[in-house]
Amino acid sequence: MLNRKQKEKLVEELTESFSQAKAVVFANHQKLKVNQLQNLRKDLRSENIHCKVAKKKLFALALEKAELKDVDLSSHKCSIAAAFGNDDEISPARIIHKFSKENKELQILGGIFNGKFLDDKGITGLALLPSKNELLAKFVGSINAPVSGFVSVLNGNLRGLVCALNSIKDGKK
């Protein structure tokens, strides 16, 4: 059990995390085994996402202090974990969604995206979006496509010219 000072410190840490995070995903981790939760934390850390587990009341106090008033976790009758993504908005949702597919014990409860609460379906929709790097790669590929097509056309014209010159050369022999 945490004493009052520890709880106050945890609420301050949670408030700061809520204020700084680009996205937060809430999940029910109650049925996970210890090694499964450790694996989830390891997956999250690899993407610079930190995970906090606390009582709903402490989350509620931190959400109120962070001025996120439309988020209500009191309706859930379970233990809650929160994954805070500071770098990429989609990563927490993607990692927790992937982990919940492999481990049915983990259940997505909802999350915060751009300061608004999303339910579990909204978070799942975010998780299915391509990552930032994938989108950038597709964008670069679409920019590169006309250039490579233009180069192919020029190569075709040069190839045709070389073939015509070779036929003229062969015809004079």
N, C-alpha and C. Protein backbone atom coordinates (compact mmCIF):
# COMPACT_ATOMS: atom_id res chain seq x y z
N MET A 1 0.83 -1.19 0.00
CA MET A 1 0.00 0.00 0.00
C MET A 1 0.88 1.25 0.00
N LEU A 2 0.40 2.25 -0.69
CA LEU A 2 1.10 3.52 -0.73
C LEU A 2 0.60 4.43 0.39
N ASN A 3 1.52 5.18 0.98
CA ASN A 3 1.08 6.16 1.97
C ASN A 3 0.65 7.45 1.25
N ARG A 4 0.18 8.41 2.00
CA ARG A 4 -0.37 9.64 1.42
C ARG A 4 0.66 10.39 0.57
N LYS A 5 1.89 10.52 1.06
CA LYS A 5 2.93 11.24 0.32
C LYS A 5 3.26 10.54 -1.00
N GLN A 6 3.32 9.21 -0.98
CA GLN A 6 3.60 8.45 -2.19
C GLN A 6 2.47 8.61 -3.20
N LYS A 7 1.23 8.62 -2.71
CA LYS A 7 0.09 8.82 -3.60
C LYS A 7 0.11 10.21 -4.21
N GLU A 8 0.43 11.22 -3.41
CA GLU A 8 0.52 12.58 -3.93
C GLU A 8 1.61 12.70 -4.99
N LYS A 9 2.74 12.05 -4.75
CA LYS A 9 3.83 12.07 -5.73
C LYS A 9 3.40 11.36 -7.02
N LEU A 10 2.71 10.23 -6.88
CA LEU A 10 2.23 9.49 -8.05
C LEU A 10 1.23 10.32 -8.85
N VAL A 11 0.33 11.03 -8.16
CA VAL A 11 -0.64 11.88 -8.86
C VAL A 11 0.09 12.99 -9.62
N GLU A 12 1.13 13.57 -9.03
CA GLU A 12 1.91 14.60 -9.71
C GLU A 12 2.59 14.03 -10.96
N GLU A 13 3.17 12.83 -10.83
CA GLU A 13 3.82 12.19 -11.98
C GLU A 13 2.80 11.89 -13.08
N LEU A 14 1.64 11.38 -12.68
CA LEU A 14 0.59 11.09 -13.66
C LEU A 14 0.09 12.36 -14.34
N THR A 15 -0.08 13.42 -13.56
CA THR A 15 -0.53 14.70 -14.12
C THR A 15 0.46 15.20 -15.17
N GLU A 16 1.74 15.12 -14.85
CA GLU A 16 2.79 15.53 -15.79
C GLU A 16 2.77 14.65 -17.04
N SER A 17 2.60 13.33 -16.84
CA SER A 17 2.55 12.41 -17.97
C SER A 17 1.36 12.71 -18.87
N PHE A 18 0.19 12.97 -18.28
CA PHE A 18 -1.00 13.29 -19.07
C PHE A 18 -0.80 14.60 -19.84
N SER A 19 -0.14 15.56 -19.23
CA SER A 19 0.07 16.86 -19.87
C SER A 19 1.06 16.77 -21.04
N GLN A 20 2.06 15.93 -20.91
CA GLN A 20 3.11 15.85 -21.93
C GLN A 20 2.81 14.85 -23.04
N ALA A 21 1.96 13.87 -22.78
CA ALA A 21 1.74 12.79 -23.73
C ALA A 21 0.96 13.25 -24.96
N LYS A 22 1.38 12.75 -26.12
CA LYS A 22 0.63 12.99 -27.35
C LYS A 22 -0.57 12.06 -27.42
N ALA A 23 -0.42 10.88 -26.82
CA ALA A 23 -1.52 9.90 -26.80
C ALA A 23 -1.37 9.02 -25.56
N VAL A 24 -2.53 8.59 -25.04
CA VAL A 24 -2.56 7.70 -23.88
C VAL A 24 -3.55 6.59 -24.18
N VAL A 25 -3.19 5.37 -23.83
CA VAL A 25 -4.08 4.23 -24.00
C VAL A 25 -4.30 3.58 -22.64
N PHE A 26 -5.57 3.37 -22.29
CA PHE A 26 -5.94 2.70 -21.04
C PHE A 26 -6.28 1.25 -21.35
N ALA A 27 -5.81 0.34 -20.49
CA ALA A 27 -6.07 -1.07 -20.70
C ALA A 27 -6.31 -1.78 -19.37
N ASN A 28 -7.10 -2.84 -19.43
CA ASN A 28 -7.34 -3.71 -18.29
C ASN A 28 -6.26 -4.79 -18.32
N HIS A 29 -5.39 -4.76 -17.35
CA HIS A 29 -4.26 -5.71 -17.30
C HIS A 29 -4.46 -6.75 -16.21
N GLN A 30 -5.61 -6.76 -15.58
CA GLN A 30 -5.85 -7.54 -14.38
C GLN A 30 -5.57 -9.04 -14.55
N LYS A 31 -5.90 -9.61 -15.70
CA LYS A 31 -5.76 -11.06 -15.89
C LYS A 31 -4.40 -11.45 -16.47
N LEU A 32 -3.53 -10.47 -16.72
CA LEU A 32 -2.21 -10.79 -17.25
C LEU A 32 -1.32 -11.39 -16.17
N LYS A 33 -0.49 -12.33 -16.58
CA LYS A 33 0.51 -12.88 -15.68
C LYS A 33 1.67 -11.88 -15.61
N VAL A 34 2.50 -12.01 -14.60
CA VAL A 34 3.60 -11.08 -14.38
C VAL A 34 4.53 -11.04 -15.58
N ASN A 35 4.88 -12.20 -16.12
CA ASN A 35 5.81 -12.22 -17.26
C ASN A 35 5.17 -11.58 -18.50
N GLN A 36 3.85 -11.71 -18.67
CA GLN A 36 3.18 -11.07 -19.79
C GLN A 36 3.22 -9.55 -19.65
N LEU A 37 2.98 -9.06 -18.44
CA LEU A 37 3.03 -7.62 -18.18
C LEU A 37 4.45 -7.09 -18.39
N GLN A 38 5.45 -7.86 -17.99
CA GLN A 38 6.84 -7.46 -18.21
C GLN A 38 7.16 -7.39 -19.71
N ASN A 39 6.64 -8.36 -20.48
CA ASN A 39 6.84 -8.34 -21.93
C ASN A 39 6.17 -7.13 -22.56
N LEU A 40 4.97 -6.81 -22.09
CA LEU A 40 4.27 -5.62 -22.61
C LEU A 40 5.07 -4.36 -22.30
N ARG A 41 5.55 -4.23 -21.08
CA ARG A 41 6.35 -3.06 -20.71
C ARG A 41 7.62 -2.97 -21.56
N LYS A 42 8.23 -4.11 -21.84
CA LYS A 42 9.44 -4.14 -22.67
C LYS A 42 9.12 -3.66 -24.09
N ASP A 43 8.00 -4.15 -24.65
CA ASP A 43 7.58 -3.71 -25.99
C ASP A 43 7.32 -2.20 -26.01
N LEU A 44 6.67 -1.71 -24.97
CA LEU A 44 6.36 -0.28 -24.90
C LEU A 44 7.63 0.55 -24.76
N ARG A 45 8.56 0.11 -23.92
CA ARG A 45 9.82 0.85 -23.73
C ARG A 45 10.62 0.94 -25.02
N SER A 46 10.54 -0.09 -25.86
CA SER A 46 11.30 -0.08 -27.11
C SER A 46 10.86 1.06 -28.04
N GLU A 47 9.64 1.57 -27.83
CA GLU A 47 9.12 2.69 -28.63
C GLU A 47 9.06 3.99 -27.82
N ASN A 48 9.78 4.04 -26.70
CA ASN A 48 9.82 5.21 -25.81
C ASN A 48 8.43 5.55 -25.25
N ILE A 49 7.71 4.52 -24.85
CA ILE A 49 6.39 4.68 -24.24
C ILE A 49 6.50 4.15 -22.82
N HIS A 50 6.02 4.94 -21.86
CA HIS A 50 6.07 4.43 -20.49
C HIS A 50 4.67 4.07 -20.02
N CYS A 51 4.64 3.08 -19.15
CA CYS A 51 3.39 2.50 -18.67
C CYS A 51 3.29 2.70 -17.17
N LYS A 52 2.13 3.14 -16.72
CA LYS A 52 1.88 3.33 -15.29
C LYS A 52 0.63 2.56 -14.90
N VAL A 53 0.69 1.95 -13.73
CA VAL A 53 -0.47 1.25 -13.17
C VAL A 53 -0.82 1.97 -11.87
N ALA A 54 -2.10 2.31 -11.73
CA ALA A 54 -2.54 3.00 -10.51
C ALA A 54 -4.03 2.74 -10.31
N LYS A 55 -4.51 3.15 -9.15
CA LYS A 55 -5.93 3.03 -8.86
C LYS A 55 -6.70 4.06 -9.68
N LYS A 56 -7.96 3.74 -9.96
CA LYS A 56 -8.80 4.64 -10.76
C LYS A 56 -8.92 6.02 -10.13
N LYS A 57 -8.99 6.08 -8.82
CA LYS A 57 -9.14 7.36 -8.12
C LYS A 57 -7.91 8.24 -8.35
N LEU A 58 -6.71 7.64 -8.36
CA LEU A 58 -5.49 8.42 -8.60
C LEU A 58 -5.44 8.90 -10.05
N PHE A 59 -5.87 8.04 -10.97
CA PHE A 59 -5.96 8.47 -12.37
C PHE A 59 -6.94 9.63 -12.50
N ALA A 60 -8.08 9.53 -11.83
CA ALA A 60 -9.11 10.57 -11.90
C ALA A 60 -8.57 11.91 -11.37
N LEU A 61 -7.85 11.87 -10.26
CA LEU A 61 -7.26 13.10 -9.72
C LEU A 61 -6.25 13.71 -10.69
N ALA A 62 -5.41 12.87 -11.28
CA ALA A 62 -4.40 13.36 -12.23
C ALA A 62 -5.06 13.91 -13.49
N LEU A 63 -6.10 13.24 -13.97
CA LEU A 63 -6.81 13.73 -15.16
C LEU A 63 -7.44 15.09 -14.88
N GLU A 64 -8.00 15.24 -13.70
CA GLU A 64 -8.61 16.52 -13.32
C GLU A 64 -7.57 17.63 -13.25
N LYS A 65 -6.41 17.32 -12.66
CA LYS A 65 -5.34 18.31 -12.57
C LYS A 65 -4.77 18.66 -13.95
N ALA A 66 -4.78 17.69 -14.86
CA ALA A 66 -4.28 17.92 -16.22
C ALA A 66 -5.35 18.55 -17.11
N GLU A 67 -6.51 18.85 -16.53
CA GLU A 67 -7.64 19.47 -17.22
C GLU A 67 -8.18 18.64 -18.38
N LEU A 68 -8.23 17.33 -18.17
CA LEU A 68 -8.85 16.40 -19.13
C LEU A 68 -10.14 15.90 -18.47
N LYS A 69 -11.18 16.71 -18.57
CA LYS A 69 -12.40 16.46 -17.79
C LYS A 69 -13.36 15.47 -18.44
N ASP A 70 -13.27 15.25 -19.75
CA ASP A 70 -14.22 14.35 -20.40
C ASP A 70 -13.81 12.88 -20.32
N VAL A 71 -12.74 12.57 -19.61
CA VAL A 71 -12.27 11.19 -19.45
C VAL A 71 -12.83 10.63 -18.14
N ASP A 72 -13.62 9.56 -18.25
CA ASP A 72 -14.21 8.95 -17.06
C ASP A 72 -13.86 7.47 -17.03
N LEU A 73 -13.06 7.09 -16.06
CA LEU A 73 -12.63 5.70 -15.91
C LEU A 73 -13.41 4.97 -14.83
N SER A 74 -14.29 5.67 -14.12
CA SER A 74 -14.98 5.07 -12.98
C SER A 74 -15.94 3.96 -13.37
N SER A 75 -16.38 3.94 -14.63
CA SER A 75 -17.34 2.91 -15.04
C SER A 75 -16.69 1.53 -15.21
N HIS A 76 -15.38 1.50 -15.31
CA HIS A 76 -14.69 0.22 -15.49
C HIS A 76 -14.45 -0.43 -14.13
N LYS A 77 -14.80 -1.68 -14.03
CA LYS A 77 -14.67 -2.42 -12.77
C LYS A 77 -13.40 -3.28 -12.78
N CYS A 78 -12.29 -2.67 -13.13
CA CYS A 78 -11.07 -3.45 -13.25
C CYS A 78 -9.86 -2.60 -12.90
N SER A 79 -8.72 -3.23 -12.88
CA SER A 79 -7.46 -2.55 -12.66
C SER A 79 -7.03 -1.92 -13.99
N ILE A 80 -6.46 -0.73 -13.92
CA ILE A 80 -6.16 0.00 -15.15
C ILE A 80 -4.67 0.31 -15.26
N ALA A 81 -4.17 0.13 -16.48
CA ALA A 81 -2.81 0.54 -16.83
C ALA A 81 -2.92 1.60 -17.91
N ALA A 82 -2.02 2.56 -17.90
CA ALA A 82 -2.01 3.61 -18.90
C ALA A 82 -0.66 3.63 -19.60
N ALA A 83 -0.68 3.66 -20.93
CA ALA A 83 0.55 3.75 -21.72
C ALA A 83 0.61 5.16 -22.31
N PHE A 84 1.69 5.88 -22.00
CA PHE A 84 1.85 7.27 -22.41
C PHE A 84 2.85 7.34 -23.56
N GLY A 85 2.39 7.83 -24.71
CA GLY A 85 3.25 8.00 -25.87
C GLY A 85 3.63 9.46 -26.05
N ASN A 86 4.91 9.76 -25.95
CA ASN A 86 5.38 11.13 -26.08
C ASN A 86 5.92 11.45 -27.46
N ASP A 87 6.35 10.44 -28.21
CA ASP A 87 6.97 10.68 -29.52
C ASP A 87 5.97 10.53 -30.67
N ASP A 88 5.33 9.39 -30.71
CA ASP A 88 4.42 9.08 -31.81
C ASP A 88 3.02 8.87 -31.24
N GLU A 89 2.02 9.46 -31.89
CA GLU A 89 0.66 9.39 -31.39
C GLU A 89 0.04 8.00 -31.55
N ILE A 90 0.50 7.25 -32.52
CA ILE A 90 -0.11 5.97 -32.86
C ILE A 90 0.54 4.79 -32.16
N SER A 91 1.80 4.92 -31.80
CA SER A 91 2.56 3.79 -31.24
C SER A 91 1.91 3.12 -30.03
N PRO A 92 1.44 3.87 -29.02
CA PRO A 92 0.84 3.17 -27.87
C PRO A 92 -0.36 2.30 -28.27
N ALA A 93 -1.20 2.85 -29.12
CA ALA A 93 -2.38 2.09 -29.56
C ALA A 93 -1.96 0.87 -30.37
N ARG A 94 -0.98 1.05 -31.27
CA ARG A 94 -0.55 -0.07 -32.12
C ARG A 94 0.06 -1.21 -31.30
N ILE A 95 0.93 -0.86 -30.34
CA ILE A 95 1.61 -1.88 -29.56
C ILE A 95 0.62 -2.61 -28.64
N ILE A 96 -0.25 -1.86 -27.97
CA ILE A 96 -1.20 -2.51 -27.06
C ILE A 96 -2.22 -3.33 -27.85
N HIS A 97 -2.64 -2.84 -29.00
CA HIS A 97 -3.57 -3.62 -29.83
C HIS A 97 -2.92 -4.93 -30.29
N LYS A 98 -1.68 -4.85 -30.76
CA LYS A 98 -0.96 -6.05 -31.19
C LYS A 98 -0.81 -7.03 -30.02
N PHE A 99 -0.44 -6.51 -28.86
CA PHE A 99 -0.26 -7.36 -27.68
C PHE A 99 -1.59 -7.99 -27.26
N SER A 100 -2.70 -7.25 -27.37
CA SER A 100 -4.00 -7.79 -26.97
C SER A 100 -4.48 -8.87 -27.94
N LYS A 101 -4.02 -8.81 -29.19
CA LYS A 101 -4.36 -9.88 -30.15
C LYS A 101 -3.66 -11.17 -29.78
N GLU A 102 -2.42 -11.05 -29.29
CA GLU A 102 -1.64 -12.23 -28.91
C GLU A 102 -1.99 -12.72 -27.51
N ASN A 103 -2.44 -11.81 -26.64
CA ASN A 103 -2.77 -12.13 -25.25
C ASN A 103 -4.19 -11.64 -24.96
N LYS A 104 -5.14 -12.52 -25.07
CA LYS A 104 -6.55 -12.16 -24.94
C LYS A 104 -6.91 -11.61 -23.55
N GLU A 105 -6.01 -11.80 -22.58
CA GLU A 105 -6.28 -11.32 -21.22
C GLU A 105 -6.25 -9.80 -21.14
N LEU A 106 -5.50 -9.15 -22.04
CA LEU A 106 -5.39 -7.69 -22.04
C LEU A 106 -6.56 -7.12 -22.84
N GLN A 107 -7.23 -6.13 -22.26
CA GLN A 107 -8.39 -5.54 -22.90
C GLN A 107 -8.21 -4.03 -22.99
N ILE A 108 -8.36 -3.48 -24.19
CA ILE A 108 -8.26 -2.03 -24.38
C ILE A 108 -9.55 -1.39 -23.88
N LEU A 109 -9.41 -0.36 -23.05
CA LEU A 109 -10.58 0.33 -22.47
C LEU A 109 -10.87 1.66 -23.15
N GLY A 110 -9.88 2.25 -23.74
CA GLY A 110 -10.03 3.56 -24.38
C GLY A 110 -8.72 4.30 -24.33
N GLY A 111 -8.78 5.60 -24.58
CA GLY A 111 -7.56 6.38 -24.53
C GLY A 111 -7.81 7.84 -24.82
N ILE A 112 -6.73 8.58 -24.82
CA ILE A 112 -6.78 10.02 -25.10
C ILE A 112 -5.93 10.29 -26.32
N PHE A 113 -6.53 10.99 -27.28
CA PHE A 113 -5.83 11.36 -28.51
C PHE A 113 -6.19 12.81 -28.82
N ASN A 114 -5.18 13.67 -28.93
CA ASN A 114 -5.40 15.11 -29.16
C ASN A 114 -6.31 15.73 -28.11
N GLY A 115 -6.16 15.30 -26.87
CA GLY A 115 -6.93 15.87 -25.78
C GLY A 115 -8.37 15.40 -25.67
N LYS A 116 -8.77 14.48 -26.52
CA LYS A 116 -10.14 13.95 -26.51
C LYS A 116 -10.12 12.47 -26.15
N PHE A 117 -11.17 12.04 -25.43
CA PHE A 117 -11.27 10.64 -25.05
C PHE A 117 -11.83 9.83 -26.22
N LEU A 118 -11.20 8.71 -26.50
CA LEU A 118 -11.68 7.77 -27.51
C LEU A 118 -12.00 6.45 -26.82
N ASP A 119 -13.07 5.80 -27.24
CA ASP A 119 -13.41 4.50 -26.65
C ASP A 119 -12.51 3.43 -27.25
N ASP A 120 -12.75 2.17 -26.88
CA ASP A 120 -11.89 1.07 -27.34
C ASP A 120 -11.90 0.93 -28.86
N LYS A 121 -13.03 1.19 -29.50
CA LYS A 121 -13.11 1.09 -30.97
C LYS A 121 -12.29 2.19 -31.63
N GLY A 122 -12.31 3.38 -31.06
CA GLY A 122 -11.51 4.48 -31.59
C GLY A 122 -10.02 4.20 -31.49
N ILE A 123 -9.60 3.64 -30.36
CA ILE A 123 -8.19 3.30 -30.17
C ILE A 123 -7.78 2.18 -31.12
N THR A 124 -8.67 1.20 -31.31
CA THR A 124 -8.38 0.12 -32.25
C THR A 124 -8.25 0.67 -33.67
N GLY A 125 -9.10 1.62 -34.02
CA GLY A 125 -8.98 2.27 -35.34
C GLY A 125 -7.65 2.97 -35.51
N LEU A 126 -7.20 3.65 -34.47
CA LEU A 126 -5.88 4.29 -34.51
C LEU A 126 -4.76 3.27 -34.68
N ALA A 127 -4.91 2.14 -33.98
CA ALA A 127 -3.88 1.10 -34.02
C ALA A 127 -3.70 0.53 -35.42
N LEU A 128 -4.77 0.54 -36.21
CA LEU A 128 -4.70 -0.04 -37.54
C LEU A 128 -4.12 0.91 -38.58
N LEU A 129 -3.91 2.17 -38.20
CA LEU A 129 -3.29 3.12 -39.12
C LEU A 129 -1.81 2.76 -39.30
N PRO A 130 -1.24 3.05 -40.48
CA PRO A 130 0.19 2.81 -40.65
C PRO A 130 1.00 3.75 -39.78
N SER A 131 2.22 3.34 -39.46
CA SER A 131 3.09 4.16 -38.62
C SER A 131 3.58 5.38 -39.39
N LYS A 132 4.16 6.32 -38.67
CA LYS A 132 4.67 7.55 -39.27
C LYS A 132 5.73 7.23 -40.33
N ASN A 133 6.63 6.29 -40.03
CA ASN A 133 7.68 5.93 -40.98
C ASN A 133 7.10 5.29 -42.24
N GLU A 134 6.08 4.45 -42.07
CA GLU A 134 5.44 3.83 -43.24
C GLU A 134 4.78 4.89 -44.12
N LEU A 135 4.11 5.85 -43.51
CA LEU A 135 3.47 6.93 -44.27
C LEU A 135 4.51 7.77 -45.00
N LEU A 136 5.63 8.06 -44.34
CA LEU A 136 6.69 8.83 -44.99
C LEU A 136 7.28 8.06 -46.18
N ALA A 137 7.46 6.75 -46.01
CA ALA A 137 7.99 5.93 -47.10
C ALA A 137 7.03 5.91 -48.29
N LYS A 138 5.73 5.80 -48.02
CA LYS A 138 4.73 5.84 -49.11
C LYS A 138 4.74 7.19 -49.81
N PHE A 139 4.88 8.26 -49.02
CA PHE A 139 4.90 9.60 -49.59
C PHE A 139 6.11 9.79 -50.51
N VAL A 140 7.28 9.37 -50.04
CA VAL A 140 8.49 9.47 -50.86
C VAL A 140 8.35 8.62 -52.12
N GLY A 141 7.77 7.44 -51.98
CA GLY A 141 7.56 6.57 -53.15
C GLY A 141 6.63 7.22 -54.17
N SER A 142 5.58 7.89 -53.70
CA SER A 142 4.66 8.52 -54.63
C SER A 142 5.28 9.75 -55.29
N ILE A 143 6.18 10.42 -54.58
CA ILE A 143 6.89 11.55 -55.20
C ILE A 143 7.89 11.03 -56.23
N ASN A 144 8.52 9.90 -55.95
CA ASN A 144 9.54 9.34 -56.82
C ASN A 144 8.96 8.68 -58.08
N ALA A 145 7.71 8.26 -58.04
CA ALA A 145 7.12 7.54 -59.17
C ALA A 145 7.14 8.33 -60.48
N PRO A 146 6.72 9.59 -60.54
CA PRO A 146 6.78 10.32 -61.81
C PRO A 146 8.20 10.49 -62.33
N VAL A 147 9.16 10.69 -61.43
CA VAL A 147 10.55 10.86 -61.85
C VAL A 147 11.08 9.58 -62.48
N SER A 148 10.82 8.44 -61.84
CA SER A 148 11.30 7.18 -62.41
C SER A 148 10.59 6.86 -63.72
N GLY A 149 9.33 7.24 -63.86
CA GLY A 149 8.63 7.06 -65.14
C GLY A 149 9.25 7.91 -66.23
N PHE A 150 9.63 9.15 -65.90
CA PHE A 150 10.26 10.05 -66.86
C PHE A 150 11.61 9.49 -67.31
N VAL A 151 12.37 8.95 -66.37
CA VAL A 151 13.67 8.34 -66.70
C VAL A 151 13.46 7.14 -67.63
N SER A 152 12.44 6.34 -67.39
CA SER A 152 12.16 5.19 -68.25
C SER A 152 11.83 5.64 -69.67
N VAL A 153 11.05 6.70 -69.80
CA VAL A 153 10.71 7.23 -71.13
C VAL A 153 11.97 7.71 -71.85
N LEU A 154 12.82 8.43 -71.14
CA LEU A 154 14.07 8.90 -71.76
C LEU A 154 14.95 7.73 -72.16
N ASN A 155 15.05 6.72 -71.32
CA ASN A 155 15.85 5.53 -71.66
C ASN A 155 15.28 4.84 -72.89
N GLY A 156 13.96 4.78 -72.97
CA GLY A 156 13.33 4.15 -74.14
C GLY A 156 13.67 4.90 -75.42
N ASN A 157 13.63 6.22 -75.39
CA ASN A 157 13.98 7.02 -76.57
C ASN A 157 15.44 6.82 -76.96
N LEU A 158 16.33 6.81 -75.97
CA LEU A 158 17.75 6.61 -76.25
C LEU A 158 18.00 5.21 -76.82
N ARG A 159 17.32 4.21 -76.26
CA ARG A 159 17.45 2.84 -76.75
C ARG A 159 16.99 2.76 -78.21
N GLY A 160 15.89 3.44 -78.50
CA GLY A 160 15.38 3.45 -79.88
C GLY A 160 16.37 4.12 -80.83
N LEU A 161 16.98 5.21 -80.39
CA LEU A 161 17.97 5.91 -81.21
C LEU A 161 19.17 5.01 -81.46
N VAL A 162 19.66 4.34 -80.43
CA VAL A 162 20.82 3.44 -80.58
C VAL A 162 20.47 2.30 -81.53
N CYS A 163 19.29 1.75 -81.42
CA CYS A 163 18.87 0.66 -82.34
C CYS A 163 18.81 1.16 -83.77
N ALA A 164 18.26 2.37 -83.97
CA ALA A 164 18.18 2.93 -85.32
C ALA A 164 19.57 3.17 -85.89
N LEU A 165 20.48 3.70 -85.10
CA LEU A 165 21.86 3.93 -85.56
C LEU A 165 22.57 2.61 -85.86
N ASN A 166 22.33 1.59 -85.03
CA ASN A 166 22.92 0.27 -85.30
C ASN A 166 22.39 -0.31 -86.60
N SER A 167 21.10 -0.15 -86.90
CA SER A 167 20.55 -0.67 -88.14
C SER A 167 21.13 0.06 -89.34
N ILE A 168 21.32 1.37 -89.20
CA ILE A 168 21.93 2.16 -90.31
C ILE A 168 23.36 1.69 -90.51
N LYS A 169 24.09 1.48 -89.43
CA LYS A 169 25.49 1.02 -89.51
C LYS A 169 25.55 -0.35 -90.16
N ASP A 170 24.62 -1.28 -89.74
CA ASP A 170 24.59 -2.63 -90.32
C ASP A 170 24.19 -2.60 -91.79
N GLY A 171 23.35 -1.65 -92.14
CA GLY A 171 22.88 -1.55 -93.54
C GLY A 171 23.98 -1.08 -94.48
N LYS A 172 24.95 -0.29 -94.01
CA LYS A 172 26.01 0.23 -94.86
C LYS A 172 27.12 -0.79 -95.09
N LYS A 173 27.17 -1.84 -94.32
CA LYS A 173 28.25 -2.83 -94.48
C LYS A 173 28.03 -3.70 -95.64
